[in-house]
C-alpha atoms as a PDB file:
ATOM      1  CA  MET A   1      63.942 -94.224  79.724  1.00  0.00           C
ATOM      2  CA  LEU A   2      63.826 -90.516  80.419  1.00  0.00           C
ATOM      3  CA  MET A   3      62.275 -88.744  77.446  1.00  0.00           C
ATOM      4  CA  ALA A   4      62.098 -85.026  76.787  1.00  0.00           C
ATOM      5  CA  ARG A   5      58.583 -83.722  77.345  1.00  0.00           C
ATOM      6  CA  PRO A   6      58.086 -82.359  73.787  1.00  0.00           C
ATOM      7  CA  VAL A   7      59.131 -85.680  72.245  1.00  0.00           C
ATOM      8  CA  LEU A   8      56.846 -87.720  74.486  1.00  0.00           C
ATOM      9  CA  LYS A   9      53.987 -85.292  73.885  1.00  0.00           C
ATOM     10  CA  ASN A  10      54.503 -85.548  70.130  1.00  0.00           C
ATOM     11  CA  LEU A  11      54.495 -89.357  70.259  1.00  0.00           C
ATOM     12  CA  LEU A  12      51.278 -89.377  72.261  1.00  0.00           C
ATOM     13  CA  GLU A  13      49.623 -86.945  69.845  1.00  0.00           C
ATOM     14  CA  GLN A  14      50.779 -89.018  66.870  1.00  0.00           C
ATOM     15  CA  TYR A  15      49.362 -92.165  68.459  1.00  0.00           C
ATOM     16  CA  GLU A  16      45.990 -90.525  69.116  1.00  0.00           C
ATOM     17  CA  THR A  17      45.787 -89.116  65.579  1.00  0.00           C
ATOM     18  CA  LEU A  18      46.846 -92.360  63.921  1.00  0.00           C
ATOM     19  CA  SER A  19      44.534 -94.407  66.111  1.00  0.00           C
ATOM     20  CA  ALA A  20      41.555 -92.278  65.083  1.00  0.00           C
ATOM     21  CA  ARG A  21      42.626 -92.324  61.434  1.00  0.00           C
ATOM     22  CA  HIS A  22      43.054 -96.100  61.450  1.00  0.00           C
ATOM     23  CA  ALA A  23      39.667 -96.581  63.115  1.00  0.00           C
ATOM     24  CA  ALA A  24      38.061 -94.441  60.417  1.00  0.00           C
ATOM     25  CA  HIS A  25      39.895 -95.752  57.350  1.00  0.00           C
ATOM     26  CA  GLY A  26      41.705 -98.954  58.391  1.00  0.00           C
ATOM     27  CA  SER A  27      44.367 -98.924  55.671  1.00  0.00           C
ATOM     28  CA  GLY A  28      47.532-100.979  55.774  1.00  0.00           C
ATOM     29  CA  GLU A  29      49.590 -97.792  55.820  1.00  0.00           C
ATOM     30  CA  SER A  30      47.727 -96.379  58.816  1.00  0.00           C
ATOM     31  CA  LEU A  31      48.168 -99.688  60.656  1.00  0.00           C
ATOM     32  CA  ARG A  32      51.916 -99.752  59.948  1.00  0.00           C
ATOM     33  CA  ARG A  33      52.345 -96.174  61.153  1.00  0.00           C
ATOM     34  CA  LEU A  34      50.225 -96.875  64.249  1.00  0.00           C
ATOM     35  CA  GLU A  35      52.340 -99.947  65.049  1.00  0.00           C
ATOM     36  CA  ASP A  36      55.558 -97.924  64.611  1.00  0.00           C
ATOM     37  CA  VAL A  37      54.402 -95.187  66.979  1.00  0.00           C
ATOM     38  CA  SER A  38      53.083 -97.790  69.439  1.00  0.00           C
ATOM     39  CA  TYR A  39      56.470 -99.520  69.484  1.00  0.00           C
ATOM     40  CA  THR A  40      58.289 -96.212  69.981  1.00  0.00           C
ATOM     41  CA  LEU A  41      55.963 -95.264  72.852  1.00  0.00           C
ATOM     42  CA  CYS A  42      56.587 -98.635  74.512  1.00  0.00           C
ATOM     43  CA  VAL A  43      60.361 -98.293  74.181  1.00  0.00           C
ATOM     44  CA  SER A  44      60.260 -94.669  75.334  1.00  0.00           C
ATOM     45  CA  THR A  45      58.243 -95.467  78.445  1.00  0.00           C
ATOM     46  CA  GLY A  46      59.925 -98.783  79.277  1.00  0.00           C
ATOM     47  CA  THR A  47      56.692-100.744  78.893  1.00  0.00           C
ATOM     48  CA  ARG A  48      55.690-103.794  76.865  1.00  0.00           C
ATOM     49  CA  ASP A  49      52.159-102.984  75.734  1.00  0.00           C
ATOM     50  CA  ILE A  50      50.513 -99.905  74.333  1.00  0.00           C
ATOM     51  CA  ASP A  51      47.976 -99.460  77.140  1.00  0.00           C
ATOM     52  CA  ALA A  52      50.774 -99.323  79.712  1.00  0.00           C
ATOM     53  CA  ALA A  53      52.806 -97.035  77.448  1.00  0.00           C
ATOM     54  CA  LEU A  54      49.898 -94.628  77.031  1.00  0.00           C
ATOM     55  CA  ALA A  55      49.253 -94.577  80.773  1.00  0.00           C
ATOM     56  CA  ALA A  56      52.944 -93.962  81.506  1.00  0.00           C
ATOM     57  CA  ALA A  57      53.217 -91.212  78.883  1.00  0.00           C
ATOM     58  CA  ARG A  58      50.100 -89.460  80.135  1.00  0.00           C
ATOM     59  CA  HIS A  59      51.293 -89.725  83.721  1.00  0.00           C
ATOM     60  CA  ARG A  60      54.677 -88.211  82.854  1.00  0.00           C
ATOM     61  CA  LEU A  61      53.089 -85.400  80.867  1.00  0.00           C
ATOM     62  CA  ALA A  62      50.561 -84.669  83.604  1.00  0.00           C
ATOM     63  CA  ALA A  63      53.384 -84.442  86.126  1.00  0.00           C
ATOM     64  CA  THR A  64      54.908 -81.576  84.142  1.00  0.00           C
ATOM     65  CA  ASP A  65      51.682 -80.005  82.812  1.00  0.00           C
ATOM     66  CA  PRO A  66      48.530 -80.355  84.923  1.00  0.00           C
ATOM     67  CA  GLY A  67      46.404 -79.016  82.050  1.00  0.00           C
ATOM     68  CA  HIS A  68      47.419 -81.937  79.826  1.00  0.00           C
ATOM     69  CA  HIS A  69      45.063 -84.384  81.526  1.00  0.00           C
ATOM     70  CA  ALA A  70      42.060 -82.135  80.957  1.00  0.00           C
ATOM     71  CA  ARG A  71      42.964 -81.617  77.290  1.00  0.00           C
ATOM     72  CA  HIS A  72      43.444 -85.350  76.806  1.00  0.00           C
ATOM     73  CA  ALA A  73      40.081 -86.123  78.404  1.00  0.00           C
ATOM     74  CA  ARG A  74      38.370 -83.665  76.045  1.00  0.00           C
ATOM     75  CA  ALA A  75      40.139 -85.142  73.017  1.00  0.00           C
ATOM     76  CA  LYS A  76      39.242 -88.679  74.044  1.00  0.00           C
ATOM     77  CA  HIS A  77      35.610 -87.655  74.563  1.00  0.00           C
ATOM     78  CA  ALA A  78      35.490 -86.024  71.126  1.00  0.00           C
ATOM     79  CA  GLN A  79      37.029 -89.143  69.585  1.00  0.00           C
ATOM     80  CA  ALA A  80      34.401 -91.343  71.257  1.00  0.00           C
ATOM     81  CA  LEU A  81      31.614 -89.117  69.936  1.00  0.00           C
ATOM     82  CA  ALA A  82      33.025 -89.351  66.415  1.00  0.00           C
ATOM     83  CA  SER A  83      33.027 -93.157  66.525  1.00  0.00           C
END
């Protein structure tokens, strides 16, 4: 499925935020929201699992914005440090 860049970017950002929030607090609400965004990312990228969906979304965003990959790497590093 071809998805507009801002929509795909927003989904990826939501996933990253919710993933960090769920890891920190682990509530039922955060899990439900994380599952909803995960499902939407999978449908949007034509994949069946979240790891493939994340890879596809990041690849598509990087193709239109080379700086995205560097920002994502920094965010992922910061998230790992916070864990």
